[in-house]
Amino acid sequence: MSLPVPLHASTRRDEPPTCDPVTGEVRVPLALYAVDVHQGDIELVLSRAEAQPVIDALLRAAQPRLEVVS
């Protein structure tokens, strides 16, 4: 029995996320990889309500973190 290879996703180059101005639906084009081998492409589709917490979390994660040194 073999262990499953962990998959990860990256945004596709030169393909920015799109947003439907009427519904607020957000589509993020992703490339799926097993280790470094491309497995295919897919779109992550989020409603406006689902997208906002994801965007907020990404912005928080991207900010530099300051540590208190005593």
Protein backbone atom coordinates (compact mmCIF):
# COMPACT_ATOMS: atom_id res chain seq x y z
CA MET A 1 0.00 0.00 0.00
CA SER A 2 1.46 3.35 -1.01
CA LEU A 3 0.89 6.63 0.73
CA PRO A 4 -0.98 9.31 -1.19
CA VAL A 5 1.20 12.06 -2.61
CA PRO A 6 0.32 15.41 -1.02
CA LEU A 7 -1.18 17.83 -3.50
CA HIS A 8 -0.80 21.57 -3.49
CA ALA A 9 -2.19 24.36 -5.62
CA SER A 10 -0.70 27.52 -7.06
CA THR A 11 -2.34 30.36 -8.89
CA ARG A 12 -1.90 30.06 -12.65
CA ARG A 13 0.57 32.56 -14.12
CA ASP A 14 -0.90 35.43 -16.08
CA GLU A 15 -4.45 34.41 -15.14
CA PRO A 16 -5.78 36.75 -12.44
CA PRO A 17 -8.86 36.00 -10.35
CA THR A 18 -12.11 37.33 -11.76
CA CYS A 19 -15.22 38.65 -10.05
CA ASP A 20 -18.73 38.76 -11.47
CA PRO A 21 -19.92 42.33 -10.76
CA VAL A 22 -23.56 41.24 -10.49
CA THR A 23 -23.37 38.10 -8.35
CA GLY A 24 -20.03 38.75 -6.63
CA GLU A 25 -18.85 35.24 -7.53
CA VAL A 26 -15.05 35.03 -7.42
CA ARG A 27 -13.13 32.59 -9.64
CA VAL A 28 -9.47 31.86 -8.90
CA PRO A 29 -7.60 29.87 -11.59
CA LEU A 30 -5.38 27.25 -9.94
CA ALA A 31 -2.79 24.72 -11.11
CA LEU A 32 -2.64 21.47 -9.10
CA TYR A 33 0.67 19.75 -8.36
CA ALA A 34 1.81 16.47 -6.77
CA VAL A 35 5.22 17.40 -5.42
CA ASP A 36 6.42 19.40 -8.48
CA VAL A 37 4.54 17.49 -11.20
CA HIS A 38 1.62 19.36 -12.76
CA GLN A 39 -1.59 17.35 -12.35
CA GLY A 40 -4.06 19.68 -14.04
CA ASP A 41 -5.90 22.98 -13.79
CA ILE A 42 -9.03 23.89 -11.87
CA GLU A 43 -10.92 26.98 -10.77
CA LEU A 44 -11.72 27.73 -7.16
CA VAL A 45 -15.20 29.30 -7.22
CA LEU A 46 -16.36 31.28 -4.18
CA SER A 47 -19.45 33.30 -3.43
CA ARG A 48 -18.94 36.88 -2.28
CA ALA A 49 -19.67 35.78 1.33
CA GLU A 50 -17.13 32.93 1.09
CA ALA A 51 -14.46 35.04 -0.62
CA GLN A 52 -14.28 37.88 1.91
CA PRO A 53 -12.97 35.85 4.88
CA VAL A 54 -10.44 34.15 2.59
CA ILE A 55 -9.19 37.51 1.30
CA ASP A 56 -8.99 38.89 4.84
CA ALA A 57 -7.01 35.84 6.04
CA LEU A 58 -4.60 36.08 3.09
CA LEU A 59 -3.99 39.77 3.73
CA ARG A 60 -3.32 39.09 7.42
CA ALA A 61 -0.93 36.25 6.56
CA ALA A 62 0.94 38.40 4.04
CA GLN A 63 1.63 41.22 6.52
CA PRO A 64 5.00 41.27 8.25
CA ARG A 65 4.77 40.04 11.81
CA LEU A 66 6.42 41.96 14.60
CA GLU A 67 7.69 40.07 17.61
CA VAL A 68 8.14 41.63 21.02
CA VAL A 69 11.70 41.25 22.24
CA SER A 70 12.31 41.65 25.92
